[in-house]
Amino acid sequence: MNVTDLPPPLADTLLRQLVPRGETRRLEFKRVSGKMVGKALETVCAFANTQGGTLVLGMADLKDFQGPARLFGVEENPEAVDELRRKLLTEFQPAIDGLRLQRIASPPHNGPAKGQAGSVLLLQVPRSPRVHSIVNGGTYTRLDKANRMLSAGEVTALSYQRGERSASGEPVAVPLARLQTGAWQRFAAQRGPLTGSFAEQLLRIGLADEVDGAVLPRRAAVLLFAEEPGSLLAAFDSRADIRVMVYDGKHAVAGATPNLRKPAKTVRGPLVDQIDAAVRLVLDELAQGLTLSSSGFRTLHAYPARVVKEAIVNAVIHRDYRLNRDIFVRIFDDRIEVESPGLLPGTITPATIARAGSKARNPLVAVNLREFPNPPNIDAGEGVPMMFAEMAQAELYPPQYRQNTDAAVESVTVTLFNLKRPSAWDEVSDWIDREGSIANADVVRIATVDTLKASKMLIGWREQGLLVALPGRAKRNMAYTKPSAADQPVSLLSPLEDNNGEVD
């Protein structure tokens, strides 16, 4: 593995940043010793399996030394560094792509090489779309300041969470006769002639498996063709329906008398029909408008129909079908929320989804759903970017994605606001994307408004969920960022240089 030398101005800046910092979820320090290699491999594995991070070699932990005394340099044990570089290429299953080693020239302030020429190495580890293990050494994820070894069950769960494994591809003990429905007939007629028995046809197109001499449908086949897949899959502790709920006001009120405007509706059926029925149900609700109980006025929803449909289609296609929870579509006075079980797969985060689009968690579902007449998806990866473009064209706020990791069942919620986007928001959004956060004084300059107006704008965006306050800030020093940026913290060393040593 090659090492890139950082140019002095950038190297000096990074070193000044690193010296006062302690370890975090994405940053760890290690002196170079004979015992370092195994622990370093654990950290690299944990970073790749979590959010990525930076391992700084040649610096002591902040709890042991402070200031420049932390700098021991990798020259303290060059043989251990060479061993680590070799094992980074051989000790991970599967191999971790995108690792980068970068050198900061810095004379050590401590240790046997004190005062001599020396250096610190930065090992950059990207978040990986896969789940990695150390050969004969276990699988690790990252906590706030340490690594944790996973059990076999946790490794399996992480594989599902990342989208490396898909519940839709697993066989389930459902009688094949339950799948010979009108949905199958429409699918088969559109796809083209299929020969052999029904079981042979499913096997041929990858929607069934032979298990102990019996042909069992994969979960995707049940979802695509069964008249009520949710009812059949309930026996396997999972669900497959959509719940549509219309609320009075802007918030759901818990308790014995929830603030539902009408009884919640459950949408069932094979996925192609389920999507169509759910989209029509939601669009019909929006077309009627909502009478605001507080004012008596009727509010009209201005979301582009394509965006509403795409949000529902994505929830159905990319949900984690091993989880025992329905999709929820919640309609409020000022927004629609579409909540889908499971987290974002691969390396996609709320902060990157506008550019990255979606990753097929359930390829068997996505590929075969497009074989129906008038398919709801084209499976070209353009749906999410289209949503952002359509909302911008309608002068509405962009879709807001949020991962719900603290809930009993993890999920992703996309929120569509029925609010005209003020011109200032584009500039504020761009500022946060570039600077990471924004304060009242920044809004005053950007929007050319007074302090009070800027404060009201920030409070409004926070109440809408577009911004969140940075933690640990006093009221007079308050700053805000986007929820996606708060969930996915920017690396300490970002922006990173490219392979030529130039800053991106």
Foldseek 3Di string as FASTA:
>chain_A
DDEAEFDQVLLVVVVVLPQADAFFLAEEEDEQDQVVQLQVVLSLLQQQLEAWHKYKYQFAGCVVDHGLQRGRANVLPVVSVVVNVVCLQPFKVVRAPDKHKYKRWDARCDDPRHPHTHIMIIITHHHWLARMATHVHAGWHTDTGGIDGDDPVVSVVSCLQQLVDAQQLAFDPDDVVQQPDPLVVLLCVLQDDDDDDPLVRCVVLSQWDQDPNDITGGLLSLQAGGFFSQVVCVVLQFGQKEKEFEFAADDWDDDPDTRTPDDIDIQGGRPQVSLVVVLVVVVVVQCVFDQHPVPRDGDHFDQDSLLSSLLSVCLNQAARGSHHDHWYWYHYNWKIKTKHFHDAHTNDFQVCCLPQAHDGSPVVNVVSQVSGVPRSDPPPRCSSVVQQVRCVVSQFDGWGWDWDPPDPTTIIMTMGTSDRHDPLVVVLQVCCVVPVKADLVRSCVSVVDDSVVSVVVVVVCVVVQQWDWDPPDDPVRIIIHGNRCVVNPDHPSPPDDPSVSHGD
